[in-house]
Amino acid sequence: MKSFQYQILRFLPDRVSEEFLNMGIVVFDANTDELVVEFVEKTGRLTQIFPETSARNLLKAVKHIDGRLRTIASQIKKEIQFDKLNEISQITTKALPIDDSALFFTKPQNILDVDINAVSTYLFDRLISINLSESEKEFRNDKEVWSKVYKRYFDNLNLSKHLVPAKINTKFNPVEFEHSWRNGHLNFFEPVNFDLEKAESIKNKVFRWSGQIDELKTAKEHTHLYLLSILPKNDIKIGNFVKEFLSAKSTDEVKVEIITPENVDEVTKELKIEFESHL
């Protein structure tokens, strides 16, 4: 696993209402000076949310920032006019200075992943929802997978009250999970949406989880990872890839179990018995 920095390009025309749209992602690897830029090319819901905004002018501004960042990325690789860069903001402020304009970059954040392109795709799918409508994608993020699908099964059996946030220390970085339960070892229940628009995005998300599982294997205690999944609806082949690839990562150190809406009822009933035996 590698550590990357990223920032979101955000459009916030009214700082009072605080309504915004995420317009793009910039990811930086400080070790290799590699920069990946991915911005929207269509305005999608912009006119619905901000009807007084000129979509044409906004896209023009985003395109300018995109072009400037790509030029800077090329210069960095050629080591032209750049000292060693440690922070992504040293780059983004050259393309978009910090001021009071409606377009701005959010504060830098860190993320672990196996590859800079994989993390860029993951963040874009997760955070840049400007082109998506509810009809195009039922679940827009992993948290909705929990709230809309799996939570009720745990609630119905009074299991949710036993699930608590937990952090586990690994060799390289602490890993946090929102839903966990300990019965001699840590059990993590993690909602994950694999029903993404592009097969490439699905595979990148699978590879990202593969890296996360490898990271968990470096912890001092054994864990059981339940991936509460939504698999691709329109591609059985890629859905089978998700299940087979991640299930194959299961070892004595980290047991990996793929849960789907089809088997969650059976799994939660078994968990109910296990929970009660440890109370």
C-alpha atoms as a PDB file:
ATOM      1  CA  MET A   1       0.000   0.000   0.000  1.00  0.00           C
ATOM      2  CA  LYS A   2       1.172   3.503  -0.850  1.00  0.00           C
ATOM      3  CA  SER A   3       0.175   6.861   0.565  1.00  0.00           C
ATOM      4  CA  PHE A   4      -1.265   9.486  -1.796  1.00  0.00           C
ATOM      5  CA  GLN A   5      -2.485  13.052  -1.341  1.00  0.00           C
ATOM      6  CA  TYR A   6      -5.623  14.320  -3.020  1.00  0.00           C
ATOM      7  CA  GLN A   7      -7.781  17.414  -3.342  1.00  0.00           C
ATOM      8  CA  ILE A   8     -11.285  17.937  -4.707  1.00  0.00           C
ATOM      9  CA  LEU A   9     -12.115  20.773  -7.077  1.00  0.00           C
ATOM     10  CA  ARG A  10     -15.376  22.141  -5.716  1.00  0.00           C
ATOM     11  CA  PHE A  11     -17.942  24.594  -7.078  1.00  0.00           C
ATOM     12  CA  LEU A  12     -19.600  26.609  -4.292  1.00  0.00           C
ATOM     13  CA  PRO A  13     -21.446  29.621  -5.747  1.00  0.00           C
ATOM     14  CA  ASP A  14     -23.212  30.553  -2.506  1.00  0.00           C
ATOM     15  CA  ARG A  15     -21.243  30.272   0.725  1.00  0.00           C
ATOM     16  CA  VAL A  16     -24.377  31.013   2.743  1.00  0.00           C
ATOM     17  CA  SER A  17     -26.435  28.062   1.488  1.00  0.00           C
ATOM     18  CA  GLU A  18     -23.253  25.936   1.259  1.00  0.00           C
ATOM     19  CA  GLU A  19     -24.671  23.916  -1.644  1.00  0.00           C
ATOM     20  CA  PHE A  20     -21.843  22.653  -3.809  1.00  0.00           C
ATOM     21  CA  LEU A  21     -20.872  20.265  -6.581  1.00  0.00           C
ATOM     22  CA  ASN A  22     -17.600  18.390  -6.824  1.00  0.00           C
ATOM     23  CA  MET A  23     -16.029  19.025 -10.210  1.00  0.00           C
ATOM     24  CA  GLY A  24     -12.890  16.913 -10.172  1.00  0.00           C
ATOM     25  CA  ILE A  25     -10.077  15.114  -8.382  1.00  0.00           C
ATOM     26  CA  VAL A  26      -6.312  15.718  -8.271  1.00  0.00           C
ATOM     27  CA  VAL A  27      -4.099  12.974  -6.810  1.00  0.00           C
ATOM     28  CA  PHE A  28      -0.382  13.322  -6.053  1.00  0.00           C
ATOM     29  CA  ASP A  29       2.356  10.845  -5.190  1.00  0.00           C
ATOM     30  CA  ALA A  30       5.017  12.836  -3.324  1.00  0.00           C
ATOM     31  CA  ASN A  31       7.522   9.988  -3.645  1.00  0.00           C
ATOM     32  CA  THR A  32       7.466   9.847  -7.440  1.00  0.00           C
ATOM     33  CA  ASP A  33       6.114  13.367  -8.180  1.00  0.00           C
ATOM     34  CA  GLU A  34       3.337  11.755 -10.229  1.00  0.00           C
ATOM     35  CA  LEU A  35       0.160  13.803 -10.607  1.00  0.00           C
ATOM     36  CA  VAL A  36      -3.186  12.481 -11.876  1.00  0.00           C
ATOM     37  CA  VAL A  37      -6.010  14.850 -12.822  1.00  0.00           C
ATOM     38  CA  GLU A  38      -9.617  13.866 -13.522  1.00  0.00           C
ATOM     39  CA  PHE A  39     -12.315  16.514 -14.003  1.00  0.00           C
ATOM     40  CA  VAL A  40     -15.903  16.434 -15.243  1.00  0.00           C
ATOM     41  CA  GLU A  41     -16.583  17.103 -18.906  1.00  0.00           C
ATOM     42  CA  LYS A  42     -20.358  17.542 -18.635  1.00  0.00           C
ATOM     43  CA  THR A  43     -22.464  19.628 -16.293  1.00  0.00           C
ATOM     44  CA  GLY A  44     -25.238  17.097 -15.637  1.00  0.00           C
ATOM     45  CA  ARG A  45     -27.333  18.343 -12.718  1.00  0.00           C
ATOM     46  CA  LEU A  46     -25.683  21.767 -12.548  1.00  0.00           C
ATOM     47  CA  THR A  47     -28.550  23.687 -14.139  1.00  0.00           C
ATOM     48  CA  GLN A  48     -31.051  21.919 -11.879  1.00  0.00           C
ATOM     49  CA  ILE A  49     -29.227  22.858  -8.689  1.00  0.00           C
ATOM     50  CA  PHE A  50     -27.818  26.226  -9.786  1.00  0.00           C
ATOM     51  CA  PRO A  51     -30.121  27.489 -12.579  1.00  0.00           C
ATOM     52  CA  GLU A  52     -28.501  30.927 -12.657  1.00  0.00           C
ATOM     53  CA  THR A  53     -25.032  29.515 -13.325  1.00  0.00           C
ATOM     54  CA  SER A  54     -23.636  29.511 -16.840  1.00  0.00           C
ATOM     55  CA  ALA A  55     -22.694  25.900 -17.445  1.00  0.00           C
ATOM     56  CA  ARG A  56     -20.629  26.886 -20.469  1.00  0.00           C
ATOM     57  CA  ASN A  57     -18.499  29.375 -18.524  1.00  0.00           C
ATOM     58  CA  LEU A  58     -18.039  26.981 -15.613  1.00  0.00           C
ATOM     59  CA  LEU A  59     -16.842  24.172 -17.859  1.00  0.00           C
ATOM     60  CA  LYS A  60     -14.514  26.602 -19.584  1.00  0.00           C
ATOM     61  CA  ALA A  61     -12.975  27.531 -16.240  1.00  0.00           C
ATOM     62  CA  VAL A  62     -12.638  23.868 -15.218  1.00  0.00           C
ATOM     63  CA  LYS A  63     -11.021  23.048 -18.559  1.00  0.00           C
ATOM     64  CA  HIS A  64      -8.509  25.867 -18.033  1.00  0.00           C
ATOM     65  CA  ILE A  65      -7.571  24.522 -14.576  1.00  0.00           C
ATOM     66  CA  ASP A  66      -7.323  21.020 -16.019  1.00  0.00           C
ATOM     67  CA  GLY A  67      -4.978  22.190 -18.768  1.00  0.00           C
ATOM     68  CA  ARG A  68      -2.825  24.164 -16.361  1.00  0.00           C
ATOM     69  CA  LEU A  69      -2.436  21.184 -14.020  1.00  0.00           C
ATOM     70  CA  ARG A  70      -1.513  18.844 -16.858  1.00  0.00           C
ATOM     71  CA  THR A  71       1.152  21.310 -17.992  1.00  0.00           C
ATOM     72  CA  ILE A  72       2.532  21.471 -14.463  1.00  0.00           C
ATOM     73  CA  ALA A  73       2.492  17.647 -14.238  1.00  0.00           C
ATOM     74  CA  SER A  74       4.550  17.475 -17.428  1.00  0.00           C
ATOM     75  CA  GLN A  75       7.008  20.057 -16.121  1.00  0.00           C
ATOM     76  CA  ILE A  76       7.419  18.175 -12.845  1.00  0.00           C
ATOM     77  CA  LYS A  77       8.344  14.984 -14.698  1.00  0.00           C
ATOM     78  CA  LYS A  78      10.919  16.935 -16.688  1.00  0.00           C
ATOM     79  CA  GLU A  79      12.082  18.720 -13.512  1.00  0.00           C
ATOM     80  CA  ILE A  80      11.559  22.114 -15.132  1.00  0.00           C
ATOM     81  CA  GLN A  81      11.490  25.075 -12.711  1.00  0.00           C
ATOM     82  CA  PHE A  82      10.370  22.907  -9.791  1.00  0.00           C
ATOM     83  CA  ASP A  83      12.072  22.113  -6.519  1.00  0.00           C
ATOM     84  CA  LYS A  84      11.147  18.970  -4.605  1.00  0.00           C
ATOM     85  CA  LEU A  85       7.398  19.037  -3.916  1.00  0.00           C
ATOM     86  CA  ASN A  86       6.052  17.549  -0.696  1.00  0.00           C
ATOM     87  CA  GLU A  87       2.490  18.883  -0.688  1.00  0.00           C
ATOM     88  CA  ILE A  88      -0.177  18.673  -3.377  1.00  0.00           C
ATOM     89  CA  SER A  89      -1.287  22.221  -2.547  1.00  0.00           C
ATOM     90  CA  GLN A  90       2.076  23.476  -3.834  1.00  0.00           C
ATOM     91  CA  ILE A  91       0.843  22.336  -7.255  1.00  0.00           C
ATOM     92  CA  THR A  92      -2.879  23.149  -7.175  1.00  0.00           C
ATOM     93  CA  THR A  93      -2.344  26.731  -5.997  1.00  0.00           C
ATOM     94  CA  LYS A  94      -0.298  27.357  -9.148  1.00  0.00           C
ATOM     95  CA  ALA A  95      -3.315  26.368 -11.242  1.00  0.00           C
ATOM     96  CA  LEU A  96      -5.946  27.960  -8.999  1.00  0.00           C
ATOM     97  CA  PRO A  97      -4.769  30.510  -6.399  1.00  0.00           C
ATOM     98  CA  ILE A  98      -6.605  30.575  -3.075  1.00  0.00           C
ATOM     99  CA  ASP A  99      -9.205  33.369  -3.119  1.00  0.00           C
ATOM    100  CA  ASP A 100     -12.950  33.852  -2.618  1.00  0.00           C
ATOM    101  CA  SER A 101     -14.039  32.521  -6.008  1.00  0.00           C
ATOM    102  CA  ALA A 102     -16.749  29.862  -6.392  1.00  0.00           C
ATOM    103  CA  LEU A 103     -14.200  27.330  -7.670  1.00  0.00           C
ATOM    104  CA  PHE A 104     -11.630  26.149  -5.143  1.00  0.00           C
ATOM    105  CA  PHE A 105      -9.666  23.126  -4.027  1.00  0.00           C
ATOM    106  CA  THR A 106     -10.550  21.510  -0.711  1.00  0.00           C
ATOM    107  CA  LYS A 107      -7.925  20.912   1.962  1.00  0.00           C
ATOM    108  CA  PRO A 108      -5.417  18.161   1.094  1.00  0.00           C
ATOM    109  CA  GLN A 109      -6.235  14.694   2.379  1.00  0.00           C
ATOM    110  CA  ASN A 110      -4.324  11.415   2.488  1.00  0.00           C
ATOM    111  CA  ILE A 111      -5.420   7.998   1.270  1.00  0.00           C
ATOM    112  CA  LEU A 112      -3.802   4.571   1.023  1.00  0.00           C
ATOM    113  CA  ASP A 113      -4.010   2.538  -2.148  1.00  0.00           C
ATOM    114  CA  VAL A 114      -1.974   0.307  -4.421  1.00  0.00           C
ATOM    115  CA  ASP A 115      -1.823   2.531  -7.499  1.00  0.00           C
ATOM    116  CA  ILE A 116      -2.330   6.241  -8.209  1.00  0.00           C
ATOM    117  CA  ASN A 117      -4.653   5.586 -11.163  1.00  0.00           C
ATOM    118  CA  ALA A 118      -6.725   3.157  -9.131  1.00  0.00           C
ATOM    119  CA  VAL A 119      -7.170   5.658  -6.306  1.00  0.00           C
ATOM    120  CA  SER A 120      -8.056   8.427  -8.786  1.00  0.00           C
ATOM    121  CA  THR A 121     -10.775   6.270 -10.332  1.00  0.00           C
ATOM    122  CA  TYR A 122     -12.053   5.246  -6.905  1.00  0.00           C
ATOM    123  CA  LEU A 123     -12.263   8.838  -5.657  1.00  0.00           C
ATOM    124  CA  PHE A 124     -13.875  10.060  -8.872  1.00  0.00           C
ATOM    125  CA  ASP A 125     -16.561   7.358  -8.689  1.00  0.00           C
ATOM    126  CA  ARG A 126     -17.147   8.025  -5.012  1.00  0.00           C
ATOM    127  CA  LEU A 127     -17.090  11.826  -4.891  1.00  0.00           C
ATOM    128  CA  ILE A 128     -17.848  13.247  -8.326  1.00  0.00           C
ATOM    129  CA  SER A 129     -21.552  12.613  -8.758  1.00  0.00           C
ATOM    130  CA  ILE A 130     -22.381  15.597 -10.963  1.00  0.00           C
ATOM    131  CA  ASN A 131     -23.228  13.430 -13.988  1.00  0.00           C
ATOM    132  CA  LEU A 132     -25.344  10.930 -12.066  1.00  0.00           C
ATOM    133  CA  SER A 133     -29.061  10.907 -11.404  1.00  0.00           C
ATOM    134  CA  GLU A 134     -30.973   8.561  -9.121  1.00  0.00           C
ATOM    135  CA  SER A 135     -32.279   6.679 -12.164  1.00  0.00           C
ATOM    136  CA  GLU A 136     -28.730   6.092 -13.426  1.00  0.00           C
ATOM    137  CA  LYS A 137     -27.353   4.794 -10.153  1.00  0.00           C
ATOM    138  CA  GLU A 138     -29.377   3.507  -7.239  1.00  0.00           C
ATOM    139  CA  PHE A 139     -26.495   3.486  -4.792  1.00  0.00           C
ATOM    140  CA  ARG A 140     -24.092   6.387  -5.116  1.00  0.00           C
ATOM    141  CA  ASN A 141     -21.817   5.545  -2.230  1.00  0.00           C
ATOM    142  CA  ASP A 142     -20.927   2.765   0.160  1.00  0.00           C
ATOM    143  CA  LYS A 143     -22.780   4.274   3.119  1.00  0.00           C
ATOM    144  CA  GLU A 144     -26.052   4.034   1.209  1.00  0.00           C
ATOM    145  CA  VAL A 145     -25.439   0.316   0.771  1.00  0.00           C
ATOM    146  CA  TRP A 146     -25.573   0.037   4.558  1.00  0.00           C
ATOM    147  CA  SER A 147     -28.522   2.370   5.136  1.00  0.00           C
ATOM    148  CA  LYS A 148     -30.674   1.238   2.200  1.00  0.00           C
ATOM    149  CA  VAL A 149     -29.964  -2.493   2.119  1.00  0.00           C
ATOM    150  CA  TYR A 150     -28.166  -4.161   5.012  1.00  0.00           C
ATOM    151  CA  LYS A 151     -28.976  -2.165   8.119  1.00  0.00           C
ATOM    152  CA  ARG A 152     -32.532  -3.463   8.407  1.00  0.00           C
ATOM    153  CA  TYR A 153     -31.357  -7.086   8.595  1.00  0.00           C
ATOM    154  CA  PHE A 154     -29.094  -6.255  11.530  1.00  0.00           C
ATOM    155  CA  ASP A 155     -31.808  -4.075  13.118  1.00  0.00           C
ATOM    156  CA  ASN A 156     -34.461  -6.799  12.852  1.00  0.00           C
ATOM    157  CA  LEU A 157     -32.300  -9.203  14.851  1.00  0.00           C
ATOM    158  CA  ASN A 158     -31.114  -6.529  17.314  1.00  0.00           C
ATOM    159  CA  LEU A 159     -27.541  -6.885  16.104  1.00  0.00           C
ATOM    160  CA  SER A 160     -26.887  -3.268  15.169  1.00  0.00           C
ATOM    161  CA  LYS A 161     -26.565  -2.196  18.800  1.00  0.00           C
ATOM    162  CA  HIS A 162     -23.548  -4.488  19.166  1.00  0.00           C
ATOM    163  CA  LEU A 163     -21.670  -2.966  16.230  1.00  0.00           C
ATOM    164  CA  VAL A 164     -19.209  -0.213  17.118  1.00  0.00           C
ATOM    165  CA  PRO A 165     -16.427   1.699  15.330  1.00  0.00           C
ATOM    166  CA  ALA A 166     -12.978   0.149  15.653  1.00  0.00           C
ATOM    167  CA  LYS A 167      -9.411   0.855  14.633  1.00  0.00           C
ATOM    168  CA  ILE A 168      -6.812  -1.804  14.013  1.00  0.00           C
ATOM    169  CA  ASN A 169      -3.091  -1.087  13.825  1.00  0.00           C
ATOM    170  CA  THR A 170      -1.328  -2.559  10.815  1.00  0.00           C
ATOM    171  CA  LYS A 171       2.327  -2.466   9.822  1.00  0.00           C
ATOM    172  CA  PHE A 172       1.982   0.732   7.796  1.00  0.00           C
ATOM    173  CA  ASN A 173      -1.125   2.603   8.921  1.00  0.00           C
ATOM    174  CA  PRO A 174      -4.145   2.255  11.263  1.00  0.00           C
ATOM    175  CA  VAL A 175      -7.290   1.061   9.490  1.00  0.00           C
ATOM    176  CA  GLU A 176     -10.696   2.178  10.735  1.00  0.00           C
ATOM    177  CA  PHE A 177     -14.094   0.516  10.301  1.00  0.00           C
ATOM    178  CA  GLU A 178     -17.472   1.914  11.324  1.00  0.00           C
ATOM    179  CA  HIS A 179     -19.158  -1.411  12.124  1.00  0.00           C
ATOM    180  CA  SER A 180     -17.260  -4.019  14.148  1.00  0.00           C
ATOM    181  CA  TRP A 181     -17.753  -6.653  16.812  1.00  0.00           C
ATOM    182  CA  ARG A 182     -15.214  -8.569  18.882  1.00  0.00           C
ATOM    183  CA  ASN A 183     -15.630 -12.218  19.910  1.00  0.00           C
ATOM    184  CA  GLY A 184     -12.041 -13.216  20.518  1.00  0.00           C
ATOM    185  CA  HIS A 185     -11.064 -11.605  17.226  1.00  0.00           C
ATOM    186  CA  LEU A 186     -12.289  -8.536  15.384  1.00  0.00           C
ATOM    187  CA  ASN A 187     -15.189  -8.842  12.948  1.00  0.00           C
ATOM    188  CA  PHE A 188     -15.665  -5.999  10.479  1.00  0.00           C
ATOM    189  CA  PHE A 189     -18.890  -5.419   8.548  1.00  0.00           C
ATOM    190  CA  GLU A 190     -18.097  -3.121   5.649  1.00  0.00           C
ATOM    191  CA  PRO A 191     -20.711  -1.982   3.053  1.00  0.00           C
ATOM    192  CA  VAL A 192     -19.300  -1.819  -0.480  1.00  0.00           C
ATOM    193  CA  ASN A 193     -20.953  -0.833  -3.750  1.00  0.00           C
ATOM    194  CA  PHE A 194     -19.475  -2.657  -6.743  1.00  0.00           C
ATOM    195  CA  ASP A 195     -22.374  -1.730  -9.022  1.00  0.00           C
ATOM    196  CA  LEU A 196     -20.428   0.960 -10.864  1.00  0.00           C
ATOM    197  CA  GLU A 197     -20.939   2.195 -14.382  1.00  0.00           C
ATOM    198  CA  LYS A 198     -17.606   1.065 -15.843  1.00  0.00           C
ATOM    199  CA  ALA A 199     -16.039  -2.392 -15.600  1.00  0.00           C
ATOM    200  CA  GLU A 200     -12.648  -0.728 -15.172  1.00  0.00           C
ATOM    201  CA  SER A 201     -13.932   1.180 -12.148  1.00  0.00           C
ATOM    202  CA  ILE A 202     -15.253  -2.033 -10.615  1.00  0.00           C
ATOM    203  CA  LYS A 203     -11.922  -3.808 -11.105  1.00  0.00           C
ATOM    204  CA  ASN A 204     -10.002  -0.877  -9.640  1.00  0.00           C
ATOM    205  CA  LYS A 205     -12.241  -0.948  -6.583  1.00  0.00           C
ATOM    206  CA  VAL A 206     -11.664  -4.691  -6.225  1.00  0.00           C
ATOM    207  CA  PHE A 207      -7.890  -4.156  -6.450  1.00  0.00           C
ATOM    208  CA  ARG A 208      -8.135  -1.401  -3.857  1.00  0.00           C
ATOM    209  CA  TRP A 209      -9.904  -3.778  -1.468  1.00  0.00           C
ATOM    210  CA  SER A 210      -7.322  -6.422  -2.259  1.00  0.00           C
ATOM    211  CA  GLY A 211      -4.651  -4.006  -1.049  1.00  0.00           C
ATOM    212  CA  GLN A 212      -6.705  -3.203   2.047  1.00  0.00           C
ATOM    213  CA  ILE A 213      -6.964  -6.904   2.864  1.00  0.00           C
ATOM    214  CA  ASP A 214      -3.209  -7.321   2.443  1.00  0.00           C
ATOM    215  CA  GLU A 215      -2.762  -4.407   4.825  1.00  0.00           C
ATOM    216  CA  LEU A 216      -5.003  -6.101   7.413  1.00  0.00           C
ATOM    217  CA  LYS A 217      -2.847  -9.231   7.189  1.00  0.00           C
ATOM    218  CA  THR A 218       0.047  -7.278   8.707  1.00  0.00           C
ATOM    219  CA  ALA A 219      -1.931  -6.652  11.923  1.00  0.00           C
ATOM    220  CA  LYS A 220      -1.016  -8.591  15.068  1.00  0.00           C
ATOM    221  CA  GLU A 221      -4.512 -10.063  15.497  1.00  0.00           C
ATOM    222  CA  HIS A 222      -6.680 -12.126  13.183  1.00  0.00           C
ATOM    223  CA  THR A 223      -9.788 -10.534  11.685  1.00  0.00           C
ATOM    224  CA  HIS A 224     -12.963 -11.526   9.854  1.00  0.00           C
ATOM    225  CA  LEU A 225     -14.008  -9.133   7.111  1.00  0.00           C
ATOM    226  CA  TYR A 226     -17.625  -9.265   5.981  1.00  0.00           C
ATOM    227  CA  LEU A 227     -18.006  -7.288   2.750  1.00  0.00           C
ATOM    228  CA  LEU A 228     -21.683  -6.286   2.584  1.00  0.00           C
ATOM    229  CA  SER A 229     -21.772  -5.995  -1.174  1.00  0.00           C
ATOM    230  CA  ILE A 230     -23.896  -4.747  -4.022  1.00  0.00           C
ATOM    231  CA  LEU A 231     -22.666  -6.573  -7.114  1.00  0.00           C
ATOM    232  CA  PRO A 232     -23.055  -5.387 -10.726  1.00  0.00           C
ATOM    233  CA  LYS A 233     -26.644  -5.968 -11.852  1.00  0.00           C
ATOM    234  CA  ASN A 234     -26.033  -6.093 -15.588  1.00  0.00           C
ATOM    235  CA  ASP A 235     -22.812  -8.072 -15.820  1.00  0.00           C
ATOM    236  CA  ILE A 236     -22.763 -11.531 -14.242  1.00  0.00           C
ATOM    237  CA  LYS A 237     -19.200 -12.137 -15.390  1.00  0.00           C
ATOM    238  CA  ILE A 238     -17.753  -9.097 -13.622  1.00  0.00           C
ATOM    239  CA  GLY A 239     -19.893  -9.898 -10.565  1.00  0.00           C
ATOM    240  CA  ASN A 240     -18.346 -13.366 -10.411  1.00  0.00           C
ATOM    241  CA  PHE A 241     -14.917 -11.766 -10.761  1.00  0.00           C
ATOM    242  CA  VAL A 242     -15.596  -9.593  -7.695  1.00  0.00           C
ATOM    243  CA  LYS A 243     -16.662 -12.577  -5.579  1.00  0.00           C
ATOM    244  CA  GLU A 244     -13.950 -14.966  -6.713  1.00  0.00           C
ATOM    245  CA  PHE A 245     -11.062 -12.491  -6.591  1.00  0.00           C
ATOM    246  CA  LEU A 246     -11.810 -11.173  -3.108  1.00  0.00           C
ATOM    247  CA  SER A 247     -12.825 -14.549  -1.661  1.00  0.00           C
ATOM    248  CA  ALA A 248      -9.462 -15.899  -2.823  1.00  0.00           C
ATOM    249  CA  LYS A 249      -7.772 -13.309  -0.567  1.00  0.00           C
ATOM    250  CA  SER A 250      -9.119 -15.108   2.510  1.00  0.00           C
ATOM    251  CA  THR A 251      -6.451 -16.568   4.811  1.00  0.00           C
ATOM    252  CA  ASP A 252      -6.050 -17.544   8.459  1.00  0.00           C
ATOM    253  CA  GLU A 253      -4.974 -13.942   9.212  1.00  0.00           C
ATOM    254  CA  VAL A 254      -7.961 -12.329   7.487  1.00  0.00           C
ATOM    255  CA  LYS A 255     -11.054 -14.343   6.654  1.00  0.00           C
ATOM    256  CA  VAL A 256     -12.942 -12.636   3.817  1.00  0.00           C
ATOM    257  CA  GLU A 257     -16.642 -13.280   3.314  1.00  0.00           C
ATOM    258  CA  ILE A 258     -18.699 -11.743   0.498  1.00  0.00           C
ATOM    259  CA  ILE A 259     -22.253 -10.977   1.632  1.00  0.00           C
ATOM    260  CA  THR A 260     -25.000 -10.158  -0.879  1.00  0.00           C
ATOM    261  CA  PRO A 261     -28.711  -9.325  -0.522  1.00  0.00           C
ATOM    262  CA  GLU A 262     -29.363 -12.940  -1.525  1.00  0.00           C
ATOM    263  CA  ASN A 263     -27.529 -14.484   1.434  1.00  0.00           C
ATOM    264  CA  VAL A 264     -27.640 -11.751   4.090  1.00  0.00           C
ATOM    265  CA  ASP A 265     -30.734 -13.181   5.808  1.00  0.00           C
ATOM    266  CA  GLU A 266     -29.021 -16.521   6.375  1.00  0.00           C
ATOM    267  CA  VAL A 267     -25.751 -14.882   7.450  1.00  0.00           C
ATOM    268  CA  THR A 268     -27.364 -12.535   9.993  1.00  0.00           C
ATOM    269  CA  LYS A 269     -29.343 -15.403  11.548  1.00  0.00           C
ATOM    270  CA  GLU A 270     -26.088 -17.312  12.039  1.00  0.00           C
ATOM    271  CA  LEU A 271     -24.513 -14.181  13.482  1.00  0.00           C
ATOM    272  CA  LYS A 272     -27.430 -13.840  15.898  1.00  0.00           C
ATOM    273  CA  ILE A 273     -26.631 -17.248  17.380  1.00  0.00           C
ATOM    274  CA  GLU A 274     -22.934 -16.401  17.596  1.00  0.00           C
ATOM    275  CA  PHE A 275     -23.634 -13.011  19.210  1.00  0.00           C
ATOM    276  CA  GLU A 276     -25.857 -14.573  21.861  1.00  0.00           C
ATOM    277  CA  SER A 277     -23.269 -17.242  22.698  1.00  0.00           C
ATOM    278  CA  HIS A 278     -20.718 -14.531  23.523  1.00  0.00           C
ATOM    279  CA  LEU A 279     -22.942 -12.259  25.619  1.00  0.00           C
END
